[in-house]
Amino acid sequence: MKNTVTLVATDLDGTFLNSQKEVSDLNRKAISALKHQGILFGIASGRPVETVHAMLEQWKIADSVSFIMGMNGGVIYDIRRRTKEEYHLLDGEIILDIIHFYQDMDVIFHVLVGDIRYTSKSTPETRAHAKLFGETEIEIDLESFLKDRTVNKLIIYCDPDYMPKVLERSKKFKREDCVGFNTANNLFEYCDPAINKGYGIQKLCKHFGVNLENCVAFGDEANDIQMLEKVGMGVCMKNGSDGAKAAANVVSEYTNDESALGRFLFEHVLEME
């Protein structure tokens, strides 16, 4: 690569993890090699930092991870220093306004606080989804819960076949103090307009004293676009969305199920190993 790499950040779902939500041996070996070369490595996810941190041992990568960017750039956690920074939380009244706009639709609303998922309706499917992401789900009256409270984001959960209707409805929602985007085939999220992974990667660079041009980032979806654009080398998975591919410097010829991240690191970043 043209620039010396000092920091590598990766999205989780659809990028670093395979379809079984596991870390491949090749990806694990690659990030371990990063550590031995003194290159910072971390996760950049829409998940809470608490649930990601809890999964590191299970994925057998705890010794290789220096930081976690959670909530799509709204939270930064330095693992070595055990420090956490949160940015631009959404007021509960804004969240309730969004909920009221979609409440006639066949959707479920989630609000995350740490590793607890507070939901408008708990079902076997949502509980299984929560368990998959290391979260504990609690059904609650969000109207009273959100009063005088600030949160990182709102998640709208629905059946994948219903998502086109959610996307169409989202075009009609107009507020300047929040922004919505699709993060998976069954998830649509709202957060503060200032928050995205591009904002998060800038905060990480300032925190660790590194330059954006010396960073590599991996992603696959719309919520990765700003991060892929900000860094010196943005890499999108073969399975990525059209928007993410357009934002990236490189589109891998491999998918997340083919260890695209590990292959790129060994071929372009760890070539001297």
Protein backbone atom coordinates (compact mmCIF):
# COMPACT_ATOMS: atom_id res chain seq x y z
CA MET A 1 0.00 0.00 0.00
CA LYS A 2 1.04 3.59 -0.67
CA ASN A 3 0.61 4.78 2.92
CA THR A 4 1.90 3.10 6.07
CA VAL A 5 -1.02 1.48 7.86
CA THR A 6 -1.37 2.32 11.56
CA LEU A 7 -5.05 1.45 12.21
CA VAL A 8 -7.55 -1.05 10.78
CA ALA A 9 -11.29 -0.93 11.51
CA THR A 10 -13.93 -3.36 10.35
CA ASP A 11 -17.68 -3.69 10.33
CA LEU A 12 -18.95 -6.95 11.83
CA ASP A 13 -22.04 -8.38 10.15
CA GLY A 14 -21.57 -9.10 6.48
CA THR A 15 -17.89 -8.12 6.68
CA PHE A 16 -15.69 -9.53 9.46
CA LEU A 17 -18.17 -12.24 10.49
CA ASN A 18 -19.37 -14.92 8.11
CA SER A 19 -23.02 -15.85 7.58
CA GLN A 20 -22.93 -18.01 10.72
CA LYS A 21 -21.83 -14.95 12.77
CA GLU A 22 -18.40 -16.53 13.27
CA VAL A 23 -14.81 -15.35 12.72
CA SER A 24 -12.93 -17.43 10.17
CA ASP A 25 -9.48 -18.82 10.96
CA LEU A 26 -7.94 -16.65 8.24
CA ASN A 27 -9.50 -13.45 9.59
CA ARG A 28 -8.37 -14.38 13.11
CA LYS A 29 -4.79 -15.01 11.95
CA ALA A 30 -4.71 -11.74 10.02
CA ILE A 31 -5.73 -9.52 12.92
CA SER A 32 -3.31 -11.35 15.22
CA ALA A 33 -0.57 -10.53 12.71
CA LEU A 34 -1.63 -6.87 12.80
CA LYS A 35 -0.97 -6.77 16.53
CA HIS A 36 2.52 -8.25 16.06
CA GLN A 37 3.27 -5.48 13.55
CA GLY A 38 2.06 -2.81 15.97
CA ILE A 39 -1.05 -1.94 13.94
CA LEU A 40 -4.18 -1.03 15.91
CA PHE A 41 -7.23 -3.16 15.12
CA GLY A 42 -10.83 -2.74 16.17
CA ILE A 43 -14.50 -3.22 15.46
CA ALA A 44 -16.80 -0.57 13.94
CA SER A 45 -20.37 -1.74 14.44
CA GLY A 46 -23.95 -0.64 14.85
CA ARG A 47 -24.11 -2.89 17.91
CA PRO A 48 -23.58 -1.59 21.47
CA VAL A 49 -19.95 -1.75 22.59
CA GLU A 50 -20.99 -3.89 25.58
CA THR A 51 -22.33 -6.74 23.46
CA VAL A 52 -19.36 -6.65 21.08
CA HIS A 53 -16.91 -6.65 23.98
CA ALA A 54 -18.68 -9.65 25.52
CA MET A 55 -18.28 -11.63 22.28
CA LEU A 56 -14.51 -11.13 21.83
CA GLU A 57 -13.55 -14.14 23.94
CA GLN A 58 -16.05 -16.37 22.16
CA TRP A 59 -14.64 -15.26 18.81
CA LYS A 60 -11.11 -15.88 20.18
CA ILE A 61 -9.90 -12.40 19.20
CA ALA A 62 -9.79 -10.60 22.57
CA ASP A 63 -5.99 -10.22 22.51
CA SER A 64 -6.06 -8.65 19.04
CA VAL A 65 -8.69 -5.92 19.52
CA SER A 66 -7.69 -2.45 20.76
CA PHE A 67 -10.97 -0.57 20.36
CA ILE A 68 -14.68 -0.87 19.66
CA MET A 69 -16.71 1.74 17.83
CA GLY A 70 -20.35 1.05 18.65
CA MET A 71 -23.76 2.46 17.72
CA ASN A 72 -22.55 3.35 14.20
CA GLY A 73 -19.95 5.79 15.52
CA GLY A 74 -21.88 7.12 18.51
CA VAL A 75 -19.73 5.35 21.12
CA ILE A 76 -15.97 4.73 21.31
CA TYR A 77 -14.45 2.25 23.76
CA ASP A 78 -10.68 1.96 24.32
CA ILE A 79 -10.20 -1.62 25.51
CA ARG A 80 -6.72 -1.13 26.97
CA ARG A 81 -7.59 2.03 28.92
CA ARG A 82 -11.18 0.90 29.63
CA THR A 83 -12.52 4.32 28.70
CA LYS A 84 -15.84 4.98 26.97
CA GLU A 85 -16.97 8.10 25.13
CA GLU A 86 -20.51 8.76 23.86
CA TYR A 87 -21.54 11.42 21.34
CA HIS A 88 -24.77 13.12 20.20
CA LEU A 89 -27.50 11.13 21.95
CA LEU A 90 -31.10 11.42 20.74
CA ASP A 91 -33.73 12.94 23.00
CA GLY A 92 -36.54 10.59 23.96
CA GLU A 93 -39.17 12.96 22.55
CA ILE A 94 -37.58 12.67 19.11
CA ILE A 95 -37.65 8.87 19.37
CA LEU A 96 -41.33 8.94 20.34
CA ASP A 97 -42.14 11.16 17.38
CA ILE A 98 -40.54 8.56 15.09
CA ILE A 99 -42.41 5.73 16.80
CA HIS A 100 -45.74 7.54 16.37
CA PHE A 101 -45.01 8.00 12.66
CA TYR A 102 -44.57 4.24 12.12
CA GLN A 103 -46.91 2.86 14.78
CA ASP A 104 -49.63 1.80 12.34
CA MET A 105 -47.17 -0.46 10.51
CA ASP A 106 -46.27 -4.10 11.16
CA VAL A 107 -42.99 -3.26 12.90
CA ILE A 108 -41.38 -3.57 16.32
CA PHE A 109 -39.36 -0.82 17.99
CA HIS A 110 -36.11 -1.44 19.93
CA VAL A 111 -34.05 0.90 22.09
CA LEU A 112 -30.64 -0.31 23.29
CA VAL A 113 -29.11 0.63 26.64
CA GLY A 114 -25.86 -1.27 27.07
CA ASP A 115 -26.59 -4.93 26.40
CA ILE A 116 -30.31 -4.56 27.23
CA ARG A 117 -32.76 -4.35 24.35
CA TYR A 118 -35.95 -2.58 25.40
CA THR A 119 -38.70 -3.44 22.93
CA SER A 120 -42.29 -2.52 22.17
CA LYS A 121 -43.12 -6.20 21.57
CA SER A 122 -41.15 -9.33 22.42
CA THR A 123 -41.65 -12.39 20.20
CA PRO A 124 -39.81 -15.70 19.80
CA GLU A 125 -38.20 -14.24 16.65
CA THR A 126 -37.03 -11.01 18.32
CA ARG A 127 -35.73 -12.92 21.36
CA ALA A 128 -33.73 -15.23 19.09
CA HIS A 129 -32.41 -12.16 17.24
CA ALA A 130 -31.42 -10.54 20.55
CA LYS A 131 -29.64 -13.70 21.70
CA LEU A 132 -27.73 -13.86 18.41
CA PHE A 133 -26.36 -10.38 19.13
CA GLY A 134 -25.63 -11.03 22.81
CA GLU A 135 -28.49 -8.85 24.04
CA THR A 136 -31.16 -9.39 26.69
CA GLU A 137 -34.62 -8.40 25.48
CA ILE A 138 -37.21 -6.77 27.75
CA GLU A 139 -40.70 -5.76 26.62
CA ILE A 140 -41.59 -2.36 28.02
CA ASP A 141 -43.86 0.66 27.54
CA LEU A 142 -41.56 2.82 25.47
CA GLU A 143 -43.79 5.88 25.93
CA SER A 144 -43.00 6.07 29.64
CA PHE A 145 -39.48 4.65 29.31
CA LEU A 146 -38.33 7.35 26.90
CA LYS A 147 -39.72 10.28 28.86
CA ASP A 148 -36.84 12.53 30.02
CA ARG A 149 -34.29 10.03 28.65
CA THR A 150 -31.64 10.20 25.93
CA VAL A 151 -30.51 7.18 23.90
CA ASN A 152 -28.06 6.40 21.11
CA LYS A 153 -30.57 5.29 18.51
CA LEU A 154 -33.94 3.74 17.65
CA ILE A 155 -34.15 0.42 15.79
CA ILE A 156 -37.18 -0.52 13.68
CA TYR A 157 -37.42 -4.31 13.29
CA CYS A 158 -39.59 -6.02 10.68
CA ASP A 159 -39.85 -9.04 8.43
CA PRO A 160 -37.42 -8.69 5.48
CA ASP A 161 -40.33 -8.93 3.03
CA TYR A 162 -41.94 -5.93 4.74
CA MET A 163 -38.83 -3.73 4.59
CA PRO A 164 -39.71 -2.11 1.21
CA LYS A 165 -42.84 -0.63 2.87
CA VAL A 166 -40.73 0.71 5.75
CA LEU A 167 -38.28 2.27 3.30
CA GLU A 168 -41.11 3.88 1.38
CA ARG A 169 -42.64 5.28 4.58
CA SER A 170 -39.24 6.60 5.72
CA LYS A 171 -39.11 8.94 2.72
CA LYS A 172 -42.06 10.87 4.18
CA PHE A 173 -40.56 11.40 7.63
CA LYS A 174 -39.01 14.87 7.89
CA ARG A 175 -36.97 16.03 10.88
CA GLU A 176 -33.61 17.77 10.77
CA ASP A 177 -32.53 16.51 14.19
CA CYS A 178 -32.41 12.80 13.25
CA VAL A 179 -31.50 10.64 10.28
CA GLY A 180 -32.72 7.19 9.24
CA PHE A 181 -30.98 4.45 7.28
CA ASN A 182 -31.27 0.76 6.43
CA THR A 183 -28.68 -1.41 8.26
CA ALA A 184 -29.92 -4.92 7.41
CA ASN A 185 -32.73 -6.58 5.49
CA ASN A 186 -34.85 -6.52 8.67
CA LEU A 187 -33.52 -3.37 10.42
CA PHE A 188 -33.99 0.36 9.89
CA GLU A 189 -32.40 2.79 12.36
CA TYR A 190 -32.55 6.42 13.44
CA CYS A 191 -29.78 8.39 15.16
CA ASP A 192 -28.47 11.95 15.45
CA PRO A 193 -27.47 13.39 12.02
CA ALA A 194 -23.90 13.94 13.23
CA ILE A 195 -23.44 10.25 13.98
CA ASN A 196 -22.07 7.82 11.44
CA LYS A 197 -19.03 5.57 11.20
CA GLY A 198 -17.12 8.31 9.39
CA TYR A 199 -17.58 10.52 12.44
CA GLY A 200 -16.54 7.60 14.64
CA ILE A 201 -13.36 6.87 12.70
CA GLN A 202 -12.37 10.54 12.99
CA LYS A 203 -12.86 10.36 16.75
CA LEU A 204 -10.78 7.17 16.88
CA CYS A 205 -7.95 8.78 14.93
CA LYS A 206 -7.90 11.75 17.29
CA HIS A 207 -8.01 9.44 20.31
CA PHE A 208 -5.07 7.33 19.16
CA GLY A 209 -3.14 10.13 17.44
CA VAL A 210 -3.17 8.61 13.97
CA ASN A 211 -4.03 10.06 10.55
CA LEU A 212 -7.04 9.03 8.48
CA GLU A 213 -4.85 8.42 5.43
CA ASN A 214 -3.02 5.73 7.42
CA CYS A 215 -6.24 3.82 8.18
CA VAL A 216 -7.87 0.89 6.42
CA ALA A 217 -11.58 0.21 6.87
CA PHE A 218 -13.75 -2.72 5.78
CA GLY A 219 -17.52 -2.64 5.27
CA ASP A 220 -20.47 -3.84 3.23
CA GLU A 221 -23.56 -1.71 3.91
CA ALA A 222 -24.96 1.81 3.74
CA ASN A 223 -23.96 2.55 7.34
CA ASP A 224 -20.30 1.89 6.39
CA ILE A 225 -20.17 4.39 3.53
CA GLN A 226 -18.87 7.45 5.43
CA MET A 227 -16.16 5.37 7.08
CA LEU A 228 -15.05 3.87 3.75
CA GLU A 229 -14.89 7.39 2.29
CA LYS A 230 -12.93 8.95 5.17
CA VAL A 231 -10.01 6.53 5.44
CA GLY A 232 -6.95 6.16 3.25
CA MET A 233 -8.12 2.75 2.04
CA GLY A 234 -11.77 1.71 2.12
CA VAL A 235 -12.48 -1.91 1.22
CA CYS A 236 -15.96 -3.24 0.43
CA MET A 237 -16.94 -6.89 0.39
CA LYS A 238 -18.04 -8.57 -2.85
CA ASN A 239 -21.39 -9.09 -1.10
CA GLY A 240 -21.66 -5.38 -0.27
CA SER A 241 -24.37 -2.94 -1.31
CA ASP A 242 -23.98 -0.82 -4.45
CA GLY A 243 -23.57 2.31 -2.33
CA ALA A 244 -20.79 0.80 -0.22
CA LYS A 245 -19.01 -0.46 -3.33
CA ALA A 246 -19.16 3.00 -4.90
CA ALA A 247 -17.69 4.59 -1.75
CA ALA A 248 -14.79 2.14 -1.42
CA ASN A 249 -11.33 2.40 -2.96
CA VAL A 250 -11.34 -1.35 -3.50
CA VAL A 251 -14.11 -3.90 -3.94
CA SER A 252 -12.86 -7.32 -2.90
CA GLU A 253 -13.30 -10.24 -5.26
CA TYR A 254 -14.24 -12.25 -2.15
CA THR A 255 -17.26 -12.25 0.16
CA ASN A 256 -17.40 -12.23 3.96
CA ASP A 257 -17.91 -16.02 3.75
CA GLU A 258 -14.60 -16.25 1.88
CA SER A 259 -12.54 -14.31 4.45
CA ALA A 260 -12.26 -11.20 2.27
CA LEU A 261 -10.79 -9.17 5.16
CA GLY A 262 -8.06 -11.67 5.96
CA ARG A 263 -7.14 -12.11 2.30
CA PHE A 264 -6.80 -8.35 1.78
CA LEU A 265 -4.70 -7.84 4.91
CA PHE A 266 -2.27 -10.62 4.04
CA GLU A 267 -1.97 -9.49 0.42
CA HIS A 268 -1.74 -5.72 0.90
CA VAL A 269 -1.02 -4.79 4.53
CA LEU A 270 0.91 -7.74 5.96
CA GLU A 271 2.83 -8.51 2.78
CA MET A 272 6.15 -8.31 4.62
CA GLU A 273 5.13 -10.97 7.16
